[in-house]
Amino acid sequence: MTLDEAIEHMEEVADEKKKEACNLYDAKNYEESRECIGCAEDHRQLATWLKELKDARETLHAMYGRIGYP
């Protein structure tokens, strides 16, 4: 799995869990709904961190490229 694929997966899971939370809330399963919201937030945070990692890697590669490192 590539970093881009992992980011996309985390975002997809976050979206799915958010929808699931809405459905559970509508069905009055409030505790399960809160758990899904927490899971969605965790996946969204993971996606954010992976994006930061990707940006940092790209910055380092750009810097090393300019000063002659492989």
N, C-alpha and C. Protein backbone atom coordinates (compact mmCIF):
# COMPACT_ATOMS: atom_id res chain seq x y z
N MET A 1 0.84 -1.17 0.00
CA MET A 1 0.00 0.00 0.00
C MET A 1 0.89 1.24 0.00
N THR A 2 0.56 2.18 -0.85
CA THR A 2 1.33 3.42 -0.91
C THR A 2 0.79 4.40 0.13
N LEU A 3 1.55 5.46 0.35
CA LEU A 3 1.12 6.49 1.29
C LEU A 3 -0.18 7.14 0.81
N ASP A 4 -0.27 7.41 -0.47
CA ASP A 4 -1.50 7.99 -1.03
C ASP A 4 -2.69 7.06 -0.83
N GLU A 5 -2.48 5.77 -1.03
CA GLU A 5 -3.55 4.79 -0.84
C GLU A 5 -3.97 4.73 0.63
N ALA A 6 -3.00 4.81 1.53
CA ALA A 6 -3.32 4.79 2.96
C ALA A 6 -4.12 6.02 3.35
N ILE A 7 -3.76 7.18 2.83
CA ILE A 7 -4.50 8.41 3.10
C ILE A 7 -5.94 8.27 2.60
N GLU A 8 -6.07 7.80 1.38
CA GLU A 8 -7.41 7.63 0.80
C GLU A 8 -8.23 6.64 1.62
N HIS A 9 -7.61 5.55 2.05
CA HIS A 9 -8.31 4.55 2.85
C HIS A 9 -8.79 5.15 4.18
N MET A 10 -7.92 5.89 4.85
CA MET A 10 -8.30 6.50 6.13
C MET A 10 -9.47 7.46 5.95
N GLU A 11 -9.45 8.23 4.88
CA GLU A 11 -10.54 9.17 4.62
C GLU A 11 -11.85 8.43 4.29
N GLU A 12 -11.75 7.35 3.54
CA GLU A 12 -12.94 6.56 3.22
C GLU A 12 -13.55 5.94 4.47
N VAL A 13 -12.70 5.39 5.32
CA VAL A 13 -13.20 4.78 6.56
C VAL A 13 -13.85 5.86 7.44
N ALA A 14 -13.22 7.03 7.52
CA ALA A 14 -13.79 8.12 8.32
C ALA A 14 -15.17 8.49 7.80
N ASP A 15 -15.31 8.60 6.49
CA ASP A 15 -16.61 8.95 5.90
C ASP A 15 -17.65 7.86 6.17
N GLU A 16 -17.24 6.60 6.04
CA GLU A 16 -18.16 5.48 6.28
C GLU A 16 -18.62 5.46 7.74
N LYS A 17 -17.68 5.68 8.66
CA LYS A 17 -18.02 5.65 10.08
C LYS A 17 -18.93 6.82 10.45
N LYS A 18 -18.72 7.96 9.81
CA LYS A 18 -19.59 9.11 10.07
C LYS A 18 -21.02 8.82 9.62
N LYS A 19 -21.16 8.20 8.43
CA LYS A 19 -22.49 7.82 7.95
C LYS A 19 -23.13 6.79 8.87
N GLU A 20 -22.31 5.82 9.29
CA GLU A 20 -22.81 4.79 10.20
C GLU A 20 -23.28 5.41 11.51
N ALA A 21 -22.54 6.39 12.00
CA ALA A 21 -22.92 7.08 13.24
C ALA A 21 -24.26 7.77 13.08
N CYS A 22 -24.48 8.40 11.94
CA CYS A 22 -25.77 9.06 11.68
C CYS A 22 -26.91 8.06 11.68
N ASN A 23 -26.69 6.94 11.03
CA ASN A 23 -27.73 5.90 10.98
C ASN A 23 -28.03 5.34 12.36
N LEU A 24 -26.99 5.13 13.16
CA LEU A 24 -27.18 4.61 14.51
C LEU A 24 -27.91 5.63 15.38
N TYR A 25 -27.57 6.91 15.20
CA TYR A 25 -28.23 7.96 15.96
C TYR A 25 -29.72 8.01 15.61
N ASP A 26 -30.01 7.92 14.32
CA ASP A 26 -31.42 7.92 13.89
C ASP A 26 -32.18 6.74 14.48
N ALA A 27 -31.48 5.63 14.69
CA ALA A 27 -32.10 4.44 15.27
C ALA A 27 -32.07 4.48 16.80
N LYS A 28 -31.63 5.61 17.34
CA LYS A 28 -31.56 5.83 18.79
C LYS A 28 -30.54 4.95 19.50
N ASN A 29 -29.53 4.52 18.78
CA ASN A 29 -28.39 3.79 19.36
C ASN A 29 -27.28 4.81 19.64
N TYR A 30 -27.52 5.62 20.66
CA TYR A 30 -26.66 6.77 20.91
C TYR A 30 -25.23 6.38 21.30
N GLU A 31 -25.08 5.37 22.12
CA GLU A 31 -23.74 4.97 22.55
C GLU A 31 -22.92 4.46 21.36
N GLU A 32 -23.52 3.61 20.55
CA GLU A 32 -22.82 3.10 19.37
C GLU A 32 -22.52 4.23 18.39
N SER A 33 -23.43 5.18 18.30
CA SER A 33 -23.22 6.33 17.42
C SER A 33 -21.99 7.12 17.87
N ARG A 34 -21.89 7.35 19.18
CA ARG A 34 -20.71 8.07 19.72
C ARG A 34 -19.42 7.31 19.42
N GLU A 35 -19.47 5.98 19.53
CA GLU A 35 -18.29 5.17 19.24
C GLU A 35 -17.87 5.32 17.78
N CYS A 36 -18.85 5.33 16.87
CA CYS A 36 -18.55 5.49 15.44
C CYS A 36 -17.98 6.88 15.16
N ILE A 37 -18.50 7.88 15.85
CA ILE A 37 -17.97 9.23 15.68
C ILE A 37 -16.52 9.27 16.13
N GLY A 38 -16.23 8.64 17.27
CA GLY A 38 -14.85 8.58 17.76
C GLY A 38 -13.94 7.87 16.77
N CYS A 39 -14.41 6.79 16.21
CA CYS A 39 -13.63 6.04 15.22
C CYS A 39 -13.40 6.89 13.97
N ALA A 40 -14.43 7.59 13.53
CA ALA A 40 -14.30 8.47 12.36
C ALA A 40 -13.26 9.56 12.63
N GLU A 41 -13.32 10.15 13.81
CA GLU A 41 -12.36 11.20 14.16
C GLU A 41 -10.94 10.64 14.21
N ASP A 42 -10.77 9.43 14.74
CA ASP A 42 -9.44 8.80 14.78
C ASP A 42 -8.89 8.58 13.37
N HIS A 43 -9.73 8.09 12.48
CA HIS A 43 -9.29 7.85 11.11
C HIS A 43 -8.97 9.15 10.39
N ARG A 44 -9.76 10.18 10.65
CA ARG A 44 -9.49 11.49 10.04
C ARG A 44 -8.15 12.03 10.56
N GLN A 45 -7.86 11.83 11.86
CA GLN A 45 -6.58 12.28 12.41
C GLN A 45 -5.43 11.51 11.79
N LEU A 46 -5.59 10.22 11.62
CA LEU A 46 -4.56 9.41 10.97
C LEU A 46 -4.30 9.90 9.55
N ALA A 47 -5.36 10.22 8.82
CA ALA A 47 -5.21 10.74 7.46
C ALA A 47 -4.42 12.06 7.49
N THR A 48 -4.72 12.91 8.46
CA THR A 48 -4.01 14.18 8.58
C THR A 48 -2.53 13.95 8.84
N TRP A 49 -2.21 13.04 9.74
CA TRP A 49 -0.80 12.74 10.03
C TRP A 49 -0.09 12.16 8.82
N LEU A 50 -0.78 11.30 8.08
CA LEU A 50 -0.17 10.73 6.88
C LEU A 50 0.09 11.80 5.83
N LYS A 51 -0.82 12.76 5.72
CA LYS A 51 -0.61 13.87 4.79
C LYS A 51 0.61 14.70 5.22
N GLU A 52 0.75 14.92 6.52
CA GLU A 52 1.90 15.65 7.03
C GLU A 52 3.19 14.89 6.74
N LEU A 53 3.16 13.58 6.92
CA LEU A 53 4.33 12.75 6.60
C LEU A 53 4.68 12.86 5.13
N LYS A 54 3.67 12.80 4.28
CA LYS A 54 3.90 12.90 2.84
C LYS A 54 4.52 14.25 2.49
N ASP A 55 3.98 15.33 3.06
CA ASP A 55 4.53 16.65 2.81
C ASP A 55 5.98 16.76 3.29
N ALA A 56 6.26 16.21 4.47
CA ALA A 56 7.62 16.25 5.01
C ALA A 56 8.58 15.48 4.11
N ARG A 57 8.16 14.32 3.65
CA ARG A 57 9.01 13.53 2.75
C ARG A 57 9.29 14.28 1.46
N GLU A 58 8.23 14.89 0.91
CA GLU A 58 8.40 15.63 -0.35
C GLU A 58 9.34 16.82 -0.15
N THR A 59 9.24 17.48 0.98
CA THR A 59 10.12 18.61 1.28
C THR A 59 11.57 18.15 1.41
N LEU A 60 11.77 17.06 2.12
CA LEU A 60 13.13 16.53 2.28
C LEU A 60 13.72 16.09 0.95
N HIS A 61 12.93 15.43 0.14
CA HIS A 61 13.42 15.01 -1.17
C HIS A 61 13.77 16.23 -2.03
N ALA A 62 12.97 17.26 -1.95
CA ALA A 62 13.25 18.47 -2.72
C ALA A 62 14.52 19.14 -2.22
N MET A 63 14.70 19.18 -0.90
CA MET A 63 15.91 19.80 -0.33
C MET A 63 17.16 19.01 -0.71
N TYR A 64 17.09 17.69 -0.54
CA TYR A 64 18.26 16.87 -0.86
C TYR A 64 18.59 16.93 -2.33
N GLY A 65 17.58 17.02 -3.16
CA GLY A 65 17.80 17.11 -4.59
C GLY A 65 18.56 18.37 -4.96
N ARG A 66 18.28 19.46 -4.27
CA ARG A 66 18.94 20.75 -4.56
C ARG A 66 20.38 20.77 -4.11
N ILE A 67 20.71 20.03 -3.04
CA ILE A 67 22.10 20.08 -2.55
C ILE A 67 22.92 18.88 -2.99
N GLY A 68 22.32 18.06 -3.82
CA GLY A 68 23.09 16.99 -4.45
C GLY A 68 23.07 15.65 -3.76
N TYR A 69 22.21 15.46 -2.77
CA TYR A 69 22.11 14.14 -2.13
C TYR A 69 21.17 13.27 -2.94
N PRO A 70 21.39 11.96 -2.88
CA PRO A 70 20.51 11.05 -3.63
C PRO A 70 19.11 11.00 -3.05
